[in-house]
N, C-alpha and C. Protein backbone atom coordinates (compact mmCIF):
# COMPACT_ATOMS: atom_id res chain seq x y z
N MET A 1 -10.24 -11.96 7.05
CA MET A 1 -11.16 -12.61 6.14
C MET A 1 -12.44 -11.80 6.14
N LEU A 2 -12.68 -11.10 5.06
CA LEU A 2 -13.91 -10.32 4.93
C LEU A 2 -14.84 -11.01 3.96
N THR A 3 -16.05 -11.22 4.39
CA THR A 3 -17.02 -11.90 3.54
C THR A 3 -18.22 -11.01 3.25
N HIS A 4 -18.86 -11.36 2.16
CA HIS A 4 -20.13 -10.77 1.76
C HIS A 4 -20.93 -11.94 1.19
N GLY A 5 -21.90 -12.41 1.96
CA GLY A 5 -22.61 -13.62 1.55
C GLY A 5 -21.64 -14.79 1.51
N ALA A 6 -21.64 -15.51 0.39
CA ALA A 6 -20.78 -16.69 0.24
C ALA A 6 -19.46 -16.37 -0.45
N GLN A 7 -19.09 -15.09 -0.46
CA GLN A 7 -17.84 -14.68 -1.10
C GLN A 7 -16.90 -14.06 -0.08
N LEU A 8 -15.59 -14.16 -0.35
CA LEU A 8 -14.62 -13.51 0.51
C LEU A 8 -13.68 -12.65 -0.33
N LEU A 9 -13.13 -11.64 0.31
CA LEU A 9 -12.20 -10.72 -0.34
C LEU A 9 -10.85 -11.41 -0.46
N ALA A 10 -10.38 -11.58 -1.69
CA ALA A 10 -9.09 -12.24 -1.95
C ALA A 10 -8.27 -11.37 -2.87
N CYS A 11 -6.95 -11.49 -2.73
CA CYS A 11 -6.06 -10.75 -3.62
C CYS A 11 -5.01 -11.71 -4.17
N LEU A 12 -4.64 -11.49 -5.41
CA LEU A 12 -3.62 -12.30 -6.06
C LEU A 12 -2.27 -11.67 -5.76
N ARG A 13 -1.43 -12.42 -5.06
CA ARG A 13 -0.11 -11.92 -4.66
C ARG A 13 0.73 -11.58 -5.89
N ASP A 14 1.68 -10.68 -5.68
CA ASP A 14 2.64 -10.38 -6.75
C ASP A 14 3.38 -11.65 -7.16
N ASP A 15 3.92 -11.65 -8.35
CA ASP A 15 4.62 -12.82 -8.88
C ASP A 15 6.14 -12.59 -8.87
N TYR A 16 6.68 -12.39 -7.67
CA TYR A 16 8.12 -12.21 -7.48
C TYR A 16 8.68 -13.47 -6.83
N ASP A 17 9.80 -13.95 -7.32
CA ASP A 17 10.36 -15.18 -6.77
C ASP A 17 10.92 -15.01 -5.36
N TRP A 18 11.08 -13.79 -4.89
CA TRP A 18 11.63 -13.56 -3.56
C TRP A 18 10.57 -13.46 -2.46
N ILE A 19 9.28 -13.60 -2.80
CA ILE A 19 8.24 -13.60 -1.77
C ILE A 19 7.69 -15.01 -1.59
N ARG A 20 7.12 -15.23 -0.43
CA ARG A 20 6.45 -16.52 -0.20
C ARG A 20 5.16 -16.56 -1.01
N PHE A 21 4.88 -17.69 -1.59
CA PHE A 21 3.65 -17.93 -2.33
C PHE A 21 3.41 -16.90 -3.45
N PRO A 22 4.37 -16.73 -4.36
CA PRO A 22 4.15 -15.79 -5.47
C PRO A 22 2.99 -16.24 -6.35
N ALA A 23 2.18 -15.27 -6.76
CA ALA A 23 1.02 -15.50 -7.64
C ALA A 23 0.00 -16.47 -7.03
N TYR A 24 -0.12 -16.45 -5.72
CA TYR A 24 -1.15 -17.22 -5.02
C TYR A 24 -2.25 -16.28 -4.56
N TRP A 25 -3.45 -16.82 -4.42
CA TRP A 25 -4.56 -16.06 -3.85
C TRP A 25 -4.39 -16.00 -2.34
N ASP A 26 -4.53 -14.81 -1.80
CA ASP A 26 -4.24 -14.52 -0.41
C ASP A 26 -5.40 -13.76 0.21
N LEU A 27 -5.35 -13.58 1.51
CA LEU A 27 -6.30 -12.74 2.23
C LEU A 27 -5.62 -11.43 2.57
N PRO A 28 -6.38 -10.37 2.80
CA PRO A 28 -5.76 -9.11 3.23
C PRO A 28 -4.99 -9.31 4.53
N GLY A 29 -3.90 -8.59 4.68
CA GLY A 29 -3.17 -8.66 5.94
C GLY A 29 -1.70 -8.36 5.79
N GLY A 30 -1.00 -8.55 6.88
CA GLY A 30 0.44 -8.29 6.90
C GLY A 30 0.95 -8.27 8.31
N GLY A 31 2.20 -7.89 8.45
CA GLY A 31 2.86 -7.88 9.74
C GLY A 31 2.57 -6.64 10.56
N ALA A 32 2.58 -6.83 11.87
CA ALA A 32 2.33 -5.73 12.80
C ALA A 32 3.56 -4.83 12.91
N GLU A 33 3.31 -3.56 13.09
CA GLU A 33 4.37 -2.60 13.37
C GLU A 33 4.65 -2.63 14.87
N PRO A 34 5.82 -2.17 15.32
CA PRO A 34 6.14 -2.20 16.75
C PRO A 34 5.04 -1.54 17.59
N GLY A 35 4.61 -2.27 18.62
CA GLY A 35 3.60 -1.75 19.54
C GLY A 35 2.17 -1.82 19.04
N GLU A 36 1.96 -2.35 17.86
CA GLU A 36 0.63 -2.40 17.26
C GLU A 36 -0.10 -3.67 17.70
N ALA A 37 -1.32 -3.51 18.19
CA ALA A 37 -2.14 -4.66 18.56
C ALA A 37 -2.59 -5.39 17.30
N PRO A 38 -2.89 -6.69 17.41
CA PRO A 38 -3.30 -7.44 16.23
C PRO A 38 -4.47 -6.83 15.46
N VAL A 39 -5.51 -6.39 16.16
CA VAL A 39 -6.66 -5.81 15.44
C VAL A 39 -6.27 -4.48 14.79
N GLU A 40 -5.40 -3.71 15.42
CA GLU A 40 -4.93 -2.46 14.80
C GLU A 40 -4.17 -2.75 13.52
N CYS A 41 -3.36 -3.81 13.54
CA CYS A 41 -2.62 -4.22 12.34
C CYS A 41 -3.61 -4.59 11.23
N ALA A 42 -4.60 -5.40 11.56
CA ALA A 42 -5.57 -5.83 10.55
C ALA A 42 -6.28 -4.63 9.93
N LEU A 43 -6.70 -3.68 10.75
CA LEU A 43 -7.41 -2.50 10.25
C LEU A 43 -6.49 -1.62 9.40
N ARG A 44 -5.24 -1.46 9.81
CA ARG A 44 -4.29 -0.66 9.02
C ARG A 44 -4.03 -1.32 7.67
N GLU A 45 -3.84 -2.63 7.67
CA GLU A 45 -3.58 -3.34 6.42
C GLU A 45 -4.78 -3.25 5.47
N LEU A 46 -6.00 -3.34 6.00
CA LEU A 46 -7.19 -3.19 5.17
C LEU A 46 -7.23 -1.82 4.51
N ASP A 47 -6.88 -0.81 5.27
CA ASP A 47 -6.87 0.55 4.73
C ASP A 47 -5.78 0.68 3.67
N GLU A 48 -4.57 0.22 3.96
CA GLU A 48 -3.47 0.34 3.01
C GLU A 48 -3.69 -0.46 1.73
N GLU A 49 -4.20 -1.67 1.87
CA GLU A 49 -4.33 -2.56 0.72
C GLU A 49 -5.60 -2.36 -0.09
N PHE A 50 -6.68 -1.93 0.58
CA PHE A 50 -7.98 -1.85 -0.11
C PHE A 50 -8.72 -0.54 0.10
N GLY A 51 -8.16 0.36 0.88
CA GLY A 51 -8.85 1.62 1.15
C GLY A 51 -10.09 1.44 2.01
N LEU A 52 -10.18 0.34 2.74
CA LEU A 52 -11.34 0.08 3.59
C LEU A 52 -11.03 0.50 5.02
N ARG A 53 -11.93 1.27 5.59
CA ARG A 53 -11.80 1.69 6.99
C ARG A 53 -12.99 1.15 7.76
N LEU A 54 -12.70 0.18 8.59
CA LEU A 54 -13.74 -0.47 9.39
C LEU A 54 -13.50 -0.20 10.86
N ALA A 55 -14.56 -0.22 11.63
CA ALA A 55 -14.44 -0.11 13.08
C ALA A 55 -13.97 -1.44 13.64
N SER A 56 -13.16 -1.40 14.68
CA SER A 56 -12.61 -2.63 15.24
C SER A 56 -13.69 -3.59 15.72
N GLY A 57 -14.83 -3.07 16.15
CA GLY A 57 -15.92 -3.91 16.62
C GLY A 57 -16.55 -4.77 15.54
N ARG A 58 -16.21 -4.51 14.29
CA ARG A 58 -16.76 -5.32 13.19
C ARG A 58 -15.94 -6.57 12.92
N LEU A 59 -14.83 -6.73 13.64
CA LEU A 59 -13.96 -7.88 13.43
C LEU A 59 -13.89 -8.75 14.68
N THR A 60 -13.85 -10.05 14.47
CA THR A 60 -13.56 -10.99 15.54
C THR A 60 -12.30 -11.74 15.14
N GLY A 61 -11.45 -12.03 16.10
CA GLY A 61 -10.16 -12.62 15.78
C GLY A 61 -9.91 -13.94 16.47
N ARG A 62 -9.00 -14.69 15.86
CA ARG A 62 -8.56 -15.96 16.42
C ARG A 62 -7.06 -16.08 16.16
N ALA A 63 -6.32 -16.48 17.19
CA ALA A 63 -4.87 -16.67 17.06
C ALA A 63 -4.56 -18.08 16.57
N PHE A 64 -3.55 -18.17 15.72
CA PHE A 64 -3.02 -19.43 15.21
C PHE A 64 -1.50 -19.39 15.37
N PRO A 65 -0.86 -20.56 15.37
CA PRO A 65 0.61 -20.55 15.36
C PRO A 65 1.11 -19.90 14.06
N SER A 66 2.11 -19.06 14.17
CA SER A 66 2.66 -18.38 13.01
C SER A 66 3.36 -19.37 12.08
N VAL A 67 3.11 -19.25 10.80
CA VAL A 67 3.79 -20.06 9.79
C VAL A 67 5.18 -19.50 9.54
N ASN A 68 5.31 -18.18 9.55
CA ASN A 68 6.57 -17.51 9.24
C ASN A 68 7.53 -17.41 10.42
N GLU A 69 6.96 -17.34 11.64
CA GLU A 69 7.80 -17.16 12.83
C GLU A 69 7.38 -18.16 13.90
N PRO A 70 7.96 -19.37 13.85
CA PRO A 70 7.60 -20.39 14.84
C PRO A 70 7.73 -19.87 16.27
N GLY A 71 6.77 -20.25 17.10
CA GLY A 71 6.76 -19.80 18.49
C GLY A 71 5.97 -18.53 18.70
N ARG A 72 5.57 -17.88 17.62
CA ARG A 72 4.76 -16.66 17.73
C ARG A 72 3.34 -16.93 17.24
N ALA A 73 2.47 -15.99 17.52
CA ALA A 73 1.08 -16.11 17.09
C ALA A 73 0.84 -15.29 15.84
N SER A 74 -0.09 -15.77 15.04
CA SER A 74 -0.57 -15.06 13.87
C SER A 74 -2.09 -15.01 14.02
N TRP A 75 -2.68 -13.89 13.66
CA TRP A 75 -4.12 -13.71 13.87
C TRP A 75 -4.87 -13.75 12.56
N LEU A 76 -6.07 -14.34 12.60
CA LEU A 76 -7.01 -14.26 11.49
C LEU A 76 -8.25 -13.59 12.03
N PHE A 77 -8.58 -12.46 11.43
CA PHE A 77 -9.79 -11.72 11.81
C PHE A 77 -10.86 -11.97 10.78
N ARG A 78 -12.09 -11.99 11.24
CA ARG A 78 -13.23 -12.20 10.37
C ARG A 78 -14.22 -11.07 10.55
N GLY A 79 -14.80 -10.64 9.41
CA GLY A 79 -15.83 -9.63 9.43
C GLY A 79 -16.62 -9.69 8.13
N THR A 80 -17.69 -8.92 8.08
CA THR A 80 -18.48 -8.85 6.85
C THR A 80 -18.40 -7.43 6.30
N ILE A 81 -18.54 -7.34 4.98
CA ILE A 81 -18.58 -6.04 4.34
C ILE A 81 -19.82 -5.96 3.47
N THR A 82 -20.23 -4.73 3.22
CA THR A 82 -21.44 -4.48 2.45
C THR A 82 -21.11 -4.33 0.97
N ALA A 83 -22.15 -4.37 0.15
CA ALA A 83 -21.97 -4.15 -1.29
C ALA A 83 -21.40 -2.75 -1.55
N ALA A 84 -21.83 -1.77 -0.78
CA ALA A 84 -21.31 -0.40 -0.95
C ALA A 84 -19.82 -0.34 -0.60
N GLU A 85 -19.40 -1.07 0.43
CA GLU A 85 -17.98 -1.09 0.78
C GLU A 85 -17.16 -1.79 -0.31
N ILE A 86 -17.70 -2.84 -0.87
CA ILE A 86 -17.01 -3.52 -1.98
C ILE A 86 -16.84 -2.56 -3.15
N ALA A 87 -17.89 -1.83 -3.48
CA ALA A 87 -17.83 -0.87 -4.58
C ALA A 87 -16.83 0.25 -4.33
N ALA A 88 -16.57 0.53 -3.07
CA ALA A 88 -15.65 1.63 -2.71
C ALA A 88 -14.19 1.18 -2.58
N ILE A 89 -13.91 -0.11 -2.78
CA ILE A 89 -12.53 -0.59 -2.65
C ILE A 89 -11.62 0.13 -3.62
N ARG A 90 -10.48 0.55 -3.11
CA ARG A 90 -9.42 1.17 -3.91
C ARG A 90 -8.16 0.34 -3.67
N PHE A 91 -7.84 -0.51 -4.63
CA PHE A 91 -6.73 -1.46 -4.49
C PHE A 91 -5.41 -0.73 -4.41
N GLY A 92 -4.59 -1.12 -3.43
CA GLY A 92 -3.28 -0.49 -3.21
C GLY A 92 -2.23 -1.01 -4.19
N ASP A 93 -0.97 -0.86 -3.80
CA ASP A 93 0.11 -1.20 -4.73
C ASP A 93 0.74 -2.56 -4.45
N GLU A 94 0.13 -3.37 -3.59
CA GLU A 94 0.62 -4.73 -3.35
C GLU A 94 -0.35 -5.70 -4.01
N GLY A 95 0.19 -6.62 -4.78
CA GLY A 95 -0.65 -7.62 -5.43
C GLY A 95 -1.00 -7.24 -6.86
N GLN A 96 -1.50 -8.24 -7.58
CA GLN A 96 -1.83 -8.06 -8.99
C GLN A 96 -3.27 -7.66 -9.22
N GLU A 97 -4.17 -8.22 -8.41
CA GLU A 97 -5.60 -7.94 -8.56
C GLU A 97 -6.32 -8.40 -7.31
N TRP A 98 -7.58 -8.04 -7.21
CA TRP A 98 -8.42 -8.49 -6.12
C TRP A 98 -9.76 -8.89 -6.69
N ARG A 99 -10.47 -9.68 -5.92
CA ARG A 99 -11.86 -9.98 -6.29
C ARG A 99 -12.60 -10.60 -5.11
N MET A 100 -13.89 -10.54 -5.19
CA MET A 100 -14.73 -11.25 -4.25
C MET A 100 -14.86 -12.66 -4.82
N MET A 101 -14.22 -13.60 -4.14
CA MET A 101 -14.14 -14.99 -4.61
C MET A 101 -15.11 -15.85 -3.80
N PRO A 102 -15.84 -16.72 -4.47
CA PRO A 102 -16.68 -17.64 -3.69
C PRO A 102 -15.81 -18.40 -2.68
N VAL A 103 -16.29 -18.51 -1.45
CA VAL A 103 -15.54 -19.18 -0.39
C VAL A 103 -15.16 -20.59 -0.84
N ALA A 104 -16.09 -21.30 -1.42
CA ALA A 104 -15.81 -22.68 -1.86
C ALA A 104 -14.69 -22.71 -2.89
N GLU A 105 -14.63 -21.72 -3.76
CA GLU A 105 -13.55 -21.67 -4.75
C GLU A 105 -12.21 -21.45 -4.06
N PHE A 106 -12.16 -20.51 -3.10
CA PHE A 106 -10.92 -20.26 -2.37
C PHE A 106 -10.46 -21.53 -1.65
N LEU A 107 -11.38 -22.21 -1.00
CA LEU A 107 -11.03 -23.41 -0.24
C LEU A 107 -10.48 -24.53 -1.12
N GLY A 108 -10.91 -24.58 -2.37
CA GLY A 108 -10.45 -25.61 -3.27
C GLY A 108 -9.42 -25.17 -4.29
N HIS A 109 -9.04 -23.90 -4.24
CA HIS A 109 -8.15 -23.36 -5.27
C HIS A 109 -6.72 -23.89 -5.06
N PRO A 110 -6.12 -24.44 -6.12
CA PRO A 110 -4.76 -24.98 -5.98
C PRO A 110 -3.70 -23.90 -5.74
N ARG A 111 -4.04 -22.65 -6.01
CA ARG A 111 -3.09 -21.56 -5.80
C ARG A 111 -3.60 -20.56 -4.76
N ALA A 112 -4.31 -21.08 -3.76
CA ALA A 112 -4.65 -20.27 -2.58
C ALA A 112 -3.59 -20.59 -1.54
N VAL A 113 -3.17 -19.59 -0.79
CA VAL A 113 -2.15 -19.82 0.24
C VAL A 113 -2.64 -20.95 1.14
N PRO A 114 -1.89 -22.07 1.18
CA PRO A 114 -2.38 -23.28 1.87
C PRO A 114 -2.82 -23.09 3.31
N HIS A 115 -2.04 -22.39 4.12
CA HIS A 115 -2.44 -22.26 5.53
C HIS A 115 -3.68 -21.39 5.68
N PHE A 116 -3.92 -20.47 4.74
CA PHE A 116 -5.16 -19.68 4.82
C PHE A 116 -6.37 -20.51 4.39
N ARG A 117 -6.19 -21.39 3.41
CA ARG A 117 -7.30 -22.30 3.06
C ARG A 117 -7.73 -23.07 4.30
N ASP A 118 -6.74 -23.62 5.01
CA ASP A 118 -7.04 -24.42 6.21
C ASP A 118 -7.68 -23.57 7.30
N ARG A 119 -7.17 -22.37 7.51
CA ARG A 119 -7.67 -21.52 8.59
C ARG A 119 -9.06 -20.98 8.29
N VAL A 120 -9.32 -20.63 7.05
CA VAL A 120 -10.66 -20.18 6.67
C VAL A 120 -11.65 -21.32 6.94
N ARG A 121 -11.28 -22.52 6.55
CA ARG A 121 -12.15 -23.68 6.78
C ARG A 121 -12.43 -23.85 8.28
N LEU A 122 -11.40 -23.74 9.12
CA LEU A 122 -11.57 -23.89 10.57
C LEU A 122 -12.45 -22.79 11.15
N VAL A 123 -12.21 -21.55 10.75
CA VAL A 123 -12.99 -20.43 11.27
C VAL A 123 -14.47 -20.56 10.87
N LEU A 124 -14.72 -20.93 9.63
CA LEU A 124 -16.11 -21.08 9.18
C LEU A 124 -16.78 -22.26 9.88
N ALA A 125 -16.07 -23.34 10.09
CA ALA A 125 -16.64 -24.49 10.78
C ALA A 125 -16.99 -24.13 12.22
N GLY A 126 -16.16 -23.31 12.85
CA GLY A 126 -16.40 -22.91 14.23
C GLY A 126 -17.55 -21.95 14.38
N SER A 127 -17.91 -21.26 13.29
CA SER A 127 -19.00 -20.29 13.37
C SER A 127 -20.35 -20.91 13.07
N GLY A 128 -20.34 -22.18 12.66
CA GLY A 128 -21.60 -22.82 12.28
C GLY A 128 -22.07 -22.39 10.91
N CYS A 129 -21.19 -21.69 10.18
CA CYS A 129 -21.54 -21.21 8.84
C CYS A 129 -21.21 -22.29 7.83
N GLY A 130 -22.18 -22.69 7.05
CA GLY A 130 -21.96 -23.71 6.02
C GLY A 130 -21.17 -23.16 4.84
N ILE A 131 -20.51 -24.06 4.15
CA ILE A 131 -19.70 -23.66 2.99
C ILE A 131 -20.36 -24.18 1.74
């Protein structure tokens, strides 16, 4: 979850019937490769999906129960990005589009991935950051 002020980086998932949550608003991310630490996965996915290269120290993470693989953990990392980094985004080949979406819009959007809506709300509540 990358934010800039009251907005977060969101991407509209592809509209294929064989993927989970087709044409839903999602957060950057994906599955870890063998031997890859959670933060390494998050940073690799940011680079692949948006052309963003951030230092690991700019992210803080929290583990949640995996929705896709019961019994495993799934991580949500949070960080902030600058206006210059937003301007430098180069969207990859996954998804239909991206945008900086107001956090409140994402939280209330009927086509935002449901578990991410809930997790964003929890992470923001835990940080003392108002919505």
